[in-house]
Amino acid sequence: MKRKPSPFALPTERRKRLSKKRRAQLFLERKGRCHRCRHKIEAGERWIAEHFVALELGGTNEWSNWD
């Protein structure tokens, strides 16, 4: 027997990966700085592209929701 979805659950989008080109564009737009601590990200340093509003909380994959 399948469970009914909660009436309180937010619809979520499937997570999309950024292409290398879009990731580089995001890095340049953010001036190579971490959105949380403003740390300068050096060349070759690993960093994570995240959503401002998590998909699980109703965020989208729109460009304006990436950080």
PDB file of N, CA and C in Angstrom:
ATOM      1  N   MET A   1       0.830  -1.178   0.000  1.00  0.00           N
ATOM      2  CA  MET A   1       0.000   0.000   0.000  1.00  0.00           C
ATOM      3  C   MET A   1       0.878   1.245   0.000  1.00  0.00           C
ATOM      4  N   LYS A   2       0.634   2.149  -0.941  1.00  0.00           N
ATOM      5  CA  LYS A   2       1.440   3.364  -1.042  1.00  0.00           C
ATOM      6  C   LYS A   2       0.963   4.405  -0.045  1.00  0.00           C
ATOM      7  N   ARG A   3       1.933   5.168   0.472  1.00  0.00           N
ATOM      8  CA  ARG A   3       1.605   6.267   1.381  1.00  0.00           C
ATOM      9  C   ARG A   3       1.186   7.487   0.575  1.00  0.00           C
ATOM     10  N   LYS A   4       0.246   8.212   1.090  1.00  0.00           N
ATOM     11  CA  LYS A   4      -0.150   9.467   0.456  1.00  0.00           C
ATOM     12  C   LYS A   4       0.878  10.528   0.801  1.00  0.00           C
ATOM     13  N   PRO A   5       1.222  11.402  -0.137  1.00  0.00           N
ATOM     14  CA  PRO A   5       2.158  12.476   0.186  1.00  0.00           C
ATOM     15  C   PRO A   5       1.543  13.420   1.213  1.00  0.00           C
ATOM     16  N   SER A   6       2.379  13.944   2.045  1.00  0.00           N
ATOM     17  CA  SER A   6       1.923  14.882   3.068  1.00  0.00           C
ATOM     18  C   SER A   6       1.374  16.138   2.400  1.00  0.00           C
ATOM     19  N   PRO A   7       0.266  16.663   2.896  1.00  0.00           N
ATOM     20  CA  PRO A   7      -0.253  17.917   2.332  1.00  0.00           C
ATOM     21  C   PRO A   7       0.657  19.104   2.639  1.00  0.00           C
ATOM     22  N   PHE A   8       1.619  18.897   3.547  1.00  0.00           N
ATOM     23  CA  PHE A   8       2.534  19.970   3.937  1.00  0.00           C
ATOM     24  C   PHE A   8       3.854  19.916   3.181  1.00  0.00           C
ATOM     25  N   ALA A   9       4.057  18.869   2.397  1.00  0.00           N
ATOM     26  CA  ALA A   9       5.308  18.723   1.649  1.00  0.00           C
ATOM     27  C   ALA A   9       5.368  19.735   0.511  1.00  0.00           C
ATOM     28  N   LEU A  10       6.525  20.348   0.343  1.00  0.00           N
ATOM     29  CA  LEU A  10       6.722  21.297  -0.744  1.00  0.00           C
ATOM     30  C   LEU A  10       7.093  20.538  -2.008  1.00  0.00           C
ATOM     31  N   PRO A  11       6.595  20.956  -3.149  1.00  0.00           N
ATOM     32  CA  PRO A  11       7.028  20.307  -4.388  1.00  0.00           C
ATOM     33  C   PRO A  11       8.506  20.623  -4.606  1.00  0.00           C
ATOM     34  N   THR A  12       9.258  19.658  -5.052  1.00  0.00           N
ATOM     35  CA  THR A  12      10.687  19.895  -5.264  1.00  0.00           C
ATOM     36  C   THR A  12      11.060  19.624  -6.709  1.00  0.00           C
ATOM     37  N   GLU A  13      12.004  20.410  -7.180  1.00  0.00           N
ATOM     38  CA  GLU A  13      12.568  20.204  -8.519  1.00  0.00           C
ATOM     39  C   GLU A  13      13.689  19.195  -8.403  1.00  0.00           C
ATOM     40  N   ARG A  14      13.952  18.520  -9.494  1.00  0.00           N
ATOM     41  CA  ARG A  14      15.119  17.631  -9.530  1.00  0.00           C
ATOM     42  C   ARG A  14      16.375  18.496  -9.549  1.00  0.00           C
ATOM     43  N   ARG A  15      17.370  18.078  -8.805  1.00  0.00           N
ATOM     44  CA  ARG A  15      18.634  18.803  -8.748  1.00  0.00           C
ATOM     45  C   ARG A  15      19.316  18.752 -10.108  1.00  0.00           C
ATOM     46  N   LYS A  16      19.788  19.899 -10.574  1.00  0.00           N
ATOM     47  CA  LYS A  16      20.516  19.976 -11.843  1.00  0.00           C
ATOM     48  C   LYS A  16      21.957  20.373 -11.558  1.00  0.00           C
ATOM     49  N   ARG A  17      22.857  19.787 -12.301  1.00  0.00           N
ATOM     50  CA  ARG A  17      24.272  20.136 -12.169  1.00  0.00           C
ATOM     51  C   ARG A  17      24.578  21.308 -13.092  1.00  0.00           C
ATOM     52  N   LEU A  18      25.475  22.155 -12.659  1.00  0.00           N
ATOM     53  CA  LEU A  18      25.918  23.264 -13.505  1.00  0.00           C
ATOM     54  C   LEU A  18      26.971  22.749 -14.474  1.00  0.00           C
ATOM     55  N   SER A  19      26.909  23.210 -15.705  1.00  0.00           N
ATOM     56  CA  SER A  19      27.957  22.866 -16.660  1.00  0.00           C
ATOM     57  C   SER A  19      29.243  23.582 -16.234  1.00  0.00           C
ATOM     58  N   LYS A  20      30.358  23.182 -16.784  1.00  0.00           N
ATOM     59  CA  LYS A  20      31.629  23.846 -16.457  1.00  0.00           C
ATOM     60  C   LYS A  20      31.574  25.330 -16.807  1.00  0.00           C
ATOM     61  N   LYS A  21      30.932  25.633 -17.923  1.00  0.00           N
ATOM     62  CA  LYS A  21      30.822  27.028 -18.359  1.00  0.00           C
ATOM     63  C   LYS A  21      29.983  27.848 -17.374  1.00  0.00           C
ATOM     64  N   ARG A  22      28.832  27.310 -16.961  1.00  0.00           N
ATOM     65  CA  ARG A  22      27.958  28.029 -16.017  1.00  0.00           C
ATOM     66  C   ARG A  22      28.622  28.153 -14.642  1.00  0.00           C
ATOM     67  N   ARG A  23      29.355  27.118 -14.243  1.00  0.00           N
ATOM     68  CA  ARG A  23      30.069  27.155 -12.963  1.00  0.00           C
ATOM     69  C   ARG A  23      31.133  28.262 -12.985  1.00  0.00           C
ATOM     70  N   ALA A  24      31.854  28.377 -14.095  1.00  0.00           N
ATOM     71  CA  ALA A  24      32.861  29.431 -14.236  1.00  0.00           C
ATOM     72  C   ALA A  24      32.186  30.801 -14.225  1.00  0.00           C
ATOM     73  N   GLN A  25      31.034  30.911 -14.868  1.00  0.00           N
ATOM     74  CA  GLN A  25      30.282  32.163 -14.884  1.00  0.00           C
ATOM     75  C   GLN A  25      29.847  32.543 -13.465  1.00  0.00           C
ATOM     76  N   LEU A  26      29.375  31.564 -12.689  1.00  0.00           N
ATOM     77  CA  LEU A  26      28.972  31.805 -11.308  1.00  0.00           C
ATOM     78  C   LEU A  26      30.166  32.285 -10.478  1.00  0.00           C
ATOM     79  N   PHE A  27      31.307  31.641 -10.656  1.00  0.00           N
ATOM     80  CA  PHE A  27      32.532  32.018  -9.942  1.00  0.00           C
ATOM     81  C   PHE A  27      32.899  33.472 -10.239  1.00  0.00           C
ATOM     82  N   LEU A  28      32.860  33.854 -11.501  1.00  0.00           N
ATOM     83  CA  LEU A  28      33.221  35.216 -11.886  1.00  0.00           C
ATOM     84  C   LEU A  28      32.209  36.240 -11.379  1.00  0.00           C
ATOM     85  N   GLU A  29      30.923  35.918 -11.477  1.00  0.00           N
ATOM     86  CA  GLU A  29      29.891  36.840 -10.993  1.00  0.00           C
ATOM     87  C   GLU A  29      30.002  37.082  -9.491  1.00  0.00           C
ATOM     88  N   ARG A  30      30.425  36.058  -8.766  1.00  0.00           N
ATOM     89  CA  ARG A  30      30.557  36.178  -7.306  1.00  0.00           C
ATOM     90  C   ARG A  30      31.956  36.654  -6.903  1.00  0.00           C
ATOM     91  N   LYS A  31      32.735  37.040  -7.900  1.00  0.00           N
ATOM     92  CA  LYS A  31      34.091  37.564  -7.709  1.00  0.00           C
ATOM     93  C   LYS A  31      34.994  36.591  -6.954  1.00  0.00           C
ATOM     94  N   GLY A  32      34.753  35.287  -7.163  1.00  0.00           N
ATOM     95  CA  GLY A  32      35.611  34.255  -6.579  1.00  0.00           C
ATOM     96  C   GLY A  32      35.578  34.200  -5.063  1.00  0.00           C
ATOM     97  N   ARG A  33      34.453  34.587  -4.465  1.00  0.00           N
ATOM     98  CA  ARG A  33      34.355  34.598  -3.000  1.00  0.00           C
ATOM     99  C   ARG A  33      33.242  33.669  -2.518  1.00  0.00           C
ATOM    100  N   CYS A  34      33.476  33.064  -1.364  1.00  0.00           N
ATOM    101  CA  CYS A  34      32.472  32.221  -0.716  1.00  0.00           C
ATOM    102  C   CYS A  34      31.287  33.091  -0.320  1.00  0.00           C
ATOM    103  N   HIS A  35      30.078  32.621  -0.576  1.00  0.00           N
ATOM    104  CA  HIS A  35      28.887  33.415  -0.259  1.00  0.00           C
ATOM    105  C   HIS A  35      28.628  33.491   1.240  1.00  0.00           C
ATOM    106  N   ARG A  36      29.190  32.565   2.018  1.00  0.00           N
ATOM    107  CA  ARG A  36      28.949  32.565   3.468  1.00  0.00           C
ATOM    108  C   ARG A  36      29.965  33.401   4.232  1.00  0.00           C
ATOM    109  N   CYS A  37      31.244  33.134   3.994  1.00  0.00           N
ATOM    110  CA  CYS A  37      32.280  33.795   4.806  1.00  0.00           C
ATOM    111  C   CYS A  37      33.073  34.850   4.043  1.00  0.00           C
ATOM    112  N   ARG A  38      32.819  34.983   2.733  1.00  0.00           N
ATOM    113  CA  ARG A  38      33.501  35.958   1.871  1.00  0.00           C
ATOM    114  C   ARG A  38      34.978  35.616   1.649  1.00  0.00           C
ATOM    115  N   HIS A  39      35.391  34.383   1.998  1.00  0.00           N
ATOM    116  CA  HIS A  39      36.758  33.910   1.778  1.00  0.00           C
ATOM    117  C   HIS A  39      37.060  33.910   0.281  1.00  0.00           C
ATOM    118  N   LYS A  40      38.241  34.393  -0.094  1.00  0.00           N
ATOM    119  CA  LYS A  40      38.673  34.385  -1.491  1.00  0.00           C
ATOM    120  C   LYS A  40      39.033  32.958  -1.876  1.00  0.00           C
ATOM    121  N   ILE A  41      38.402  32.449  -2.920  1.00  0.00           N
ATOM    122  CA  ILE A  41      38.668  31.099  -3.400  1.00  0.00           C
ATOM    123  C   ILE A  41      39.821  31.184  -4.397  1.00  0.00           C
ATOM    124  N   GLU A  42      40.901  30.477  -4.095  1.00  0.00           N
ATOM    125  CA  GLU A  42      42.102  30.512  -4.929  1.00  0.00           C
ATOM    126  C   GLU A  42      41.965  29.551  -6.114  1.00  0.00           C
ATOM    127  N   ALA A  43      42.741  29.804  -7.155  1.00  0.00           N
ATOM    128  CA  ALA A  43      42.746  28.938  -8.330  1.00  0.00           C
ATOM    129  C   ALA A  43      43.078  27.510  -7.909  1.00  0.00           C
ATOM    130  N   GLY A  44      42.283  26.560  -8.371  1.00  0.00           N
ATOM    131  CA  GLY A  44      42.501  25.154  -8.052  1.00  0.00           C
ATOM    132  C   GLY A  44      41.866  24.697  -6.749  1.00  0.00           C
ATOM    133  N   GLU A  45      41.409  25.636  -5.927  1.00  0.00           N
ATOM    134  CA  GLU A  45      40.772  25.285  -4.659  1.00  0.00           C
ATOM    135  C   GLU A  45      39.369  24.746  -4.934  1.00  0.00           C
ATOM    136  N   ARG A  46      38.972  23.717  -4.185  1.00  0.00           N
ATOM    137  CA  ARG A  46      37.640  23.143  -4.363  1.00  0.00           C
ATOM    138  C   ARG A  46      36.597  24.047  -3.719  1.00  0.00           C
ATOM    139  N   TRP A  47      35.437  24.153  -4.376  1.00  0.00           N
ATOM    140  CA  TRP A  47      34.324  24.912  -3.816  1.00  0.00           C
ATOM    141  C   TRP A  47      33.020  24.300  -4.294  1.00  0.00           C
ATOM    142  N   ILE A  48      31.969  24.559  -3.561  1.00  0.00           N
ATOM    143  CA  ILE A  48      30.670  23.955  -3.841  1.00  0.00           C
ATOM    144  C   ILE A  48      29.693  25.027  -4.294  1.00  0.00           C
ATOM    145  N   ALA A  49      29.035  24.773  -5.406  1.00  0.00           N
ATOM    146  CA  ALA A  49      27.964  25.657  -5.873  1.00  0.00           C
ATOM    147  C   ALA A  49      26.673  25.174  -5.220  1.00  0.00           C
ATOM    148  N   GLU A  50      26.015  26.065  -4.513  1.00  0.00           N
ATOM    149  CA  GLU A  50      24.808  25.698  -3.782  1.00  0.00           C
ATOM    150  C   GLU A  50      23.638  26.592  -4.191  1.00  0.00           C
ATOM    151  N   HIS A  51      22.462  26.184  -3.802  1.00  0.00           N
ATOM    152  CA  HIS A  51      21.263  26.989  -4.007  1.00  0.00           C
ATOM    153  C   HIS A  51      21.084  27.923  -2.812  1.00  0.00           C
ATOM    154  N   PHE A  52      20.644  29.168  -3.053  1.00  0.00           N
ATOM    155  CA  PHE A  52      20.300  30.070  -1.952  1.00  0.00           C
ATOM    156  C   PHE A  52      19.205  29.432  -1.111  1.00  0.00           C
ATOM    157  N   VAL A  53      18.119  29.060  -1.776  1.00  0.00           N
ATOM    158  CA  VAL A  53      17.006  28.372  -1.117  1.00  0.00           C
ATOM    159  C   VAL A  53      17.076  26.917  -1.572  1.00  0.00           C
ATOM    160  N   ALA A  54      17.271  26.021  -0.627  1.00  0.00           N
ATOM    161  CA  ALA A  54      17.391  24.602  -0.952  1.00  0.00           C
ATOM    162  C   ALA A  54      16.175  24.107  -1.720  1.00  0.00           C
ATOM    163  N   LEU A  55      16.406  23.181  -2.633  1.00  0.00           N
ATOM    164  CA  LEU A  55      15.301  22.624  -3.402  1.00  0.00           C
ATOM    165  C   LEU A  55      14.268  21.994  -2.473  1.00  0.00           C
ATOM    166  N   GLU A  56      14.735  21.380  -1.398  1.00  0.00           N
ATOM    167  CA  GLU A  56      13.850  20.734  -0.435  1.00  0.00           C
ATOM    168  C   GLU A  56      12.953  21.733   0.289  1.00  0.00           C
ATOM    169  N   LEU A  57      13.349  23.000   0.270  1.00  0.00           N
ATOM    170  CA  LEU A  57      12.561  24.040   0.930  1.00  0.00           C
ATOM    171  C   LEU A  57      11.775  24.888  -0.072  1.00  0.00           C
ATOM    172  N   GLY A  58      11.665  24.366  -1.288  1.00  0.00           N
ATOM    173  CA  GLY A  58      10.880  25.057  -2.302  1.00  0.00           C
ATOM    174  C   GLY A  58      11.693  25.890  -3.271  1.00  0.00           C
ATOM    175  N   GLY A  59      13.026  25.838  -3.176  1.00  0.00           N
ATOM    176  CA  GLY A  59      13.881  26.572  -4.104  1.00  0.00           C
ATOM    177  C   GLY A  59      13.825  25.966  -5.498  1.00  0.00           C
ATOM    178  N   THR A  60      14.389  26.685  -6.445  1.00  0.00           N
ATOM    179  CA  THR A  60      14.378  26.237  -7.840  1.00  0.00           C
ATOM    180  C   THR A  60      15.802  26.172  -8.381  1.00  0.00           C
ATOM    181  N   ASN A  61      15.927  25.692  -9.594  1.00  0.00           N
ATOM    182  CA  ASN A  61      17.215  25.659 -10.284  1.00  0.00           C
ATOM    183  C   ASN A  61      17.430  26.916 -11.124  1.00  0.00           C
ATOM    184  N   GLU A  62      16.599  27.926 -10.941  1.00  0.00           N
ATOM    185  CA  GLU A  62      16.776  29.187 -11.667  1.00  0.00           C
ATOM    186  C   GLU A  62      18.151  29.770 -11.343  1.00  0.00           C
ATOM    187  N   TRP A  63      18.729  30.473 -12.312  1.00  0.00           N
ATOM    188  CA  TRP A  63      20.068  31.050 -12.160  1.00  0.00           C
ATOM    189  C   TRP A  63      20.160  31.942 -10.908  1.00  0.00           C
ATOM    190  N   SER A  64      19.109  32.687 -10.618  1.00  0.00           N
ATOM    191  CA  SER A  64      19.121  33.609  -9.481  1.00  0.00           C
ATOM    192  C   SER A  64      19.153  32.878  -8.132  1.00  0.00           C
ATOM    193  N   ASN A  65      18.911  31.579  -8.121  1.00  0.00           N
ATOM    194  CA  ASN A  65      18.922  30.822  -6.868  1.00  0.00           C
ATOM    195  C   ASN A  65      20.244  30.077  -6.646  1.00  0.00           C
ATOM    196  N   TRP A  66      21.205  30.273  -7.506  1.00  0.00           N
ATOM    197  CA  TRP A  66      22.520  29.623  -7.347  1.00  0.00           C
ATOM    198  C   TRP A  66      23.492  30.552  -6.647  1.00  0.00           C
ATOM    199  N   ASP A  67      24.322  29.929  -5.820  1.00  0.00           N
ATOM    200  CA  ASP A  67      25.404  30.666  -5.188  1.00  0.00           C
ATOM    201  C   ASP A  67      26.588  29.780  -4.985  1.00  0.00           C
TER     202      ASP A  67
END
